[in-house]
Amino acid sequence: MNEKKEPKLWVTVLKLVLGAVVFIALIGLGLYYTAKFNTYSPGVEEPTNSWGITKDSPIRSNR
């Protein structure tokens, strides 16, 4: 007799829980690594006020 033996329920639950713990740990490790060793630094430029509405006064003049 060939009976297909299914794993016990607690074994399946244990595997799922361990898989979830490993997945969460890897995500946490990745987030920690990117927060600690972030090497990206965008270039900082001085703002220029030579264009747009930056020189317009917020108070209307009655001319």
N, C-alpha and C. Protein backbone atom coordinates (compact mmCIF):
# COMPACT_ATOMS: atom_id res chain seq x y z
N MET A 1 0.82 -1.18 0.00
CA MET A 1 0.00 0.00 0.00
C MET A 1 0.87 1.25 0.00
N ASN A 2 0.64 2.05 -0.99
CA ASN A 2 1.33 3.33 -1.07
C ASN A 2 0.40 4.42 -0.57
N GLU A 3 0.64 4.88 0.61
CA GLU A 3 -0.15 5.96 1.17
C GLU A 3 0.67 7.24 1.12
N LYS A 4 0.06 8.28 0.58
CA LYS A 4 0.75 9.57 0.59
C LYS A 4 0.63 10.16 1.98
N LYS A 5 1.77 10.36 2.59
CA LYS A 5 1.77 10.90 3.95
C LYS A 5 1.93 12.41 3.89
N GLU A 6 0.98 13.11 4.41
CA GLU A 6 1.06 14.56 4.51
C GLU A 6 1.80 14.91 5.80
N PRO A 7 2.59 15.99 5.76
CA PRO A 7 3.26 16.39 7.01
C PRO A 7 2.22 16.86 8.03
N LYS A 8 2.60 16.69 9.27
CA LYS A 8 1.69 17.11 10.34
C LYS A 8 1.48 18.61 10.28
N LEU A 9 0.37 19.05 10.81
CA LEU A 9 0.00 20.46 10.76
C LEU A 9 1.02 21.34 11.49
N TRP A 10 1.51 20.90 12.63
CA TRP A 10 2.45 21.72 13.38
C TRP A 10 3.77 21.88 12.64
N VAL A 11 4.16 20.91 11.83
CA VAL A 11 5.39 21.03 11.04
C VAL A 11 5.20 22.09 9.96
N THR A 12 4.04 22.08 9.32
CA THR A 12 3.76 23.08 8.29
C THR A 12 3.71 24.48 8.89
N VAL A 13 3.05 24.62 10.03
CA VAL A 13 2.97 25.92 10.70
C VAL A 13 4.36 26.38 11.13
N LEU A 14 5.17 25.48 11.64
CA LEU A 14 6.53 25.82 12.06
C LEU A 14 7.36 26.29 10.87
N LYS A 15 7.24 25.64 9.74
CA LYS A 15 7.96 26.05 8.53
C LYS A 15 7.51 27.43 8.07
N LEU A 16 6.21 27.69 8.10
CA LEU A 16 5.71 29.00 7.70
C LEU A 16 6.19 30.10 8.64
N VAL A 17 6.17 29.84 9.92
CA VAL A 17 6.62 30.83 10.91
C VAL A 17 8.11 31.10 10.74
N LEU A 18 8.90 30.06 10.56
CA LEU A 18 10.34 30.25 10.37
C LEU A 18 10.62 31.01 9.07
N GLY A 19 9.88 30.71 8.04
CA GLY A 19 10.04 31.43 6.79
C GLY A 19 9.71 32.91 6.95
N ALA A 20 8.64 33.21 7.68
CA ALA A 20 8.26 34.60 7.92
C ALA A 20 9.32 35.32 8.75
N VAL A 21 9.87 34.65 9.75
CA VAL A 21 10.90 35.27 10.59
C VAL A 21 12.15 35.57 9.76
N VAL A 22 12.55 34.63 8.92
CA VAL A 22 13.72 34.85 8.06
C VAL A 22 13.46 36.00 7.09
N PHE A 23 12.28 36.04 6.50
CA PHE A 23 11.92 37.11 5.57
C PHE A 23 11.96 38.47 6.25
N ILE A 24 11.36 38.58 7.43
CA ILE A 24 11.34 39.84 8.17
C ILE A 24 12.76 40.23 8.58
N ALA A 25 13.56 39.26 8.99
CA ALA A 25 14.94 39.56 9.39
C ALA A 25 15.75 40.08 8.20
N LEU A 26 15.56 39.50 7.03
CA LEU A 26 16.28 39.97 5.85
C LEU A 26 15.86 41.38 5.45
N ILE A 27 14.57 41.67 5.55
CA ILE A 27 14.10 43.02 5.25
C ILE A 27 14.68 44.01 6.26
N GLY A 28 14.65 43.66 7.53
CA GLY A 28 15.22 44.53 8.56
C GLY A 28 16.71 44.74 8.39
N LEU A 29 17.42 43.69 8.02
CA LEU A 29 18.86 43.80 7.80
C LEU A 29 19.15 44.71 6.60
N GLY A 30 18.35 44.58 5.56
CA GLY A 30 18.51 45.44 4.40
C GLY A 30 18.24 46.90 4.72
N LEU A 31 17.20 47.15 5.49
CA LEU A 31 16.88 48.53 5.88
C LEU A 31 17.97 49.10 6.79
N TYR A 32 18.49 48.30 7.70
CA TYR A 32 19.57 48.75 8.58
C TYR A 32 20.81 49.08 7.76
N TYR A 33 21.13 48.20 6.81
CA TYR A 33 22.31 48.42 5.98
C TYR A 33 22.19 49.70 5.17
N THR A 34 21.03 49.93 4.57
CA THR A 34 20.88 51.14 3.76
C THR A 34 20.86 52.40 4.63
N ALA A 35 20.35 52.31 5.84
CA ALA A 35 20.34 53.47 6.73
C ALA A 35 21.74 53.77 7.27
N LYS A 36 22.48 52.74 7.56
CA LYS A 36 23.80 52.92 8.18
C LYS A 36 24.87 53.28 7.16
N PHE A 37 24.82 52.66 5.99
CA PHE A 37 25.90 52.80 5.02
C PHE A 37 25.44 53.46 3.73
N ASN A 38 24.53 54.41 3.84
CA ASN A 38 24.05 55.11 2.66
C ASN A 38 25.15 56.03 2.14
N THR A 39 25.55 55.81 0.91
CA THR A 39 26.64 56.61 0.35
C THR A 39 26.13 57.61 -0.68
N TYR A 40 24.86 57.63 -0.94
CA TYR A 40 24.32 58.55 -1.92
C TYR A 40 24.23 59.95 -1.32
N SER A 41 24.85 60.88 -1.98
CA SER A 41 24.82 62.27 -1.54
C SER A 41 24.53 63.14 -2.75
N PRO A 42 23.32 63.67 -2.85
CA PRO A 42 23.02 64.50 -4.01
C PRO A 42 23.84 65.79 -3.98
N GLY A 43 24.17 66.27 -5.15
CA GLY A 43 24.94 67.51 -5.24
C GLY A 43 24.14 68.69 -4.71
N VAL A 44 24.79 69.53 -3.95
CA VAL A 44 24.13 70.70 -3.38
C VAL A 44 24.55 71.92 -4.18
N GLU A 45 23.59 72.62 -4.71
CA GLU A 45 23.86 73.84 -5.46
C GLU A 45 23.26 75.03 -4.72
N GLU A 46 23.90 76.17 -4.90
CA GLU A 46 23.37 77.39 -4.32
C GLU A 46 22.11 77.78 -5.08
N PRO A 47 21.04 78.15 -4.37
CA PRO A 47 19.83 78.56 -5.08
C PRO A 47 20.04 79.90 -5.78
N THR A 48 19.45 80.00 -6.95
CA THR A 48 19.54 81.25 -7.69
C THR A 48 18.17 81.91 -7.69
N ASN A 49 18.18 83.22 -7.53
CA ASN A 49 16.93 83.98 -7.51
C ASN A 49 16.74 84.75 -8.81
N SER A 50 17.31 84.27 -9.88
CA SER A 50 17.27 85.04 -11.12
C SER A 50 16.11 84.65 -12.03
N TRP A 51 15.24 83.79 -11.61
CA TRP A 51 14.15 83.39 -12.49
C TRP A 51 12.87 83.18 -11.68
N GLY A 52 11.78 83.11 -12.35
CA GLY A 52 10.50 82.80 -11.72
C GLY A 52 9.94 83.95 -10.93
N ILE A 53 9.16 83.63 -9.95
CA ILE A 53 8.47 84.65 -9.16
C ILE A 53 9.17 84.91 -7.83
N THR A 54 10.42 84.52 -7.73
CA THR A 54 11.10 84.65 -6.44
C THR A 54 11.31 86.09 -6.02
N LYS A 55 11.34 87.03 -6.98
CA LYS A 55 11.55 88.43 -6.63
C LYS A 55 10.25 89.21 -6.55
N ASP A 56 9.13 88.55 -6.83
CA ASP A 56 7.85 89.24 -6.74
C ASP A 56 7.45 89.43 -5.28
N SER A 57 6.91 90.58 -5.00
CA SER A 57 6.48 90.86 -3.64
C SER A 57 5.14 90.18 -3.38
N PRO A 58 4.92 89.64 -2.20
CA PRO A 58 3.65 89.02 -1.89
C PRO A 58 2.54 90.04 -1.65
N ILE A 59 2.93 91.30 -1.48
CA ILE A 59 1.95 92.37 -1.25
C ILE A 59 1.72 93.09 -2.57
N ARG A 60 0.48 93.17 -2.98
CA ARG A 60 0.15 93.84 -4.24
C ARG A 60 0.31 95.35 -4.11
N SER A 61 0.85 95.94 -5.12
CA SER A 61 0.93 97.40 -5.13
C SER A 61 -0.19 97.94 -6.00
N ASN A 62 -0.77 99.07 -5.61
CA ASN A 62 -1.88 99.68 -6.37
C ASN A 62 -1.33 100.72 -7.33
N ARG A 63 -0.75 100.30 -8.39
CA ARG A 63 -0.22 101.22 -9.39
C ARG A 63 -1.21 101.48 -10.46
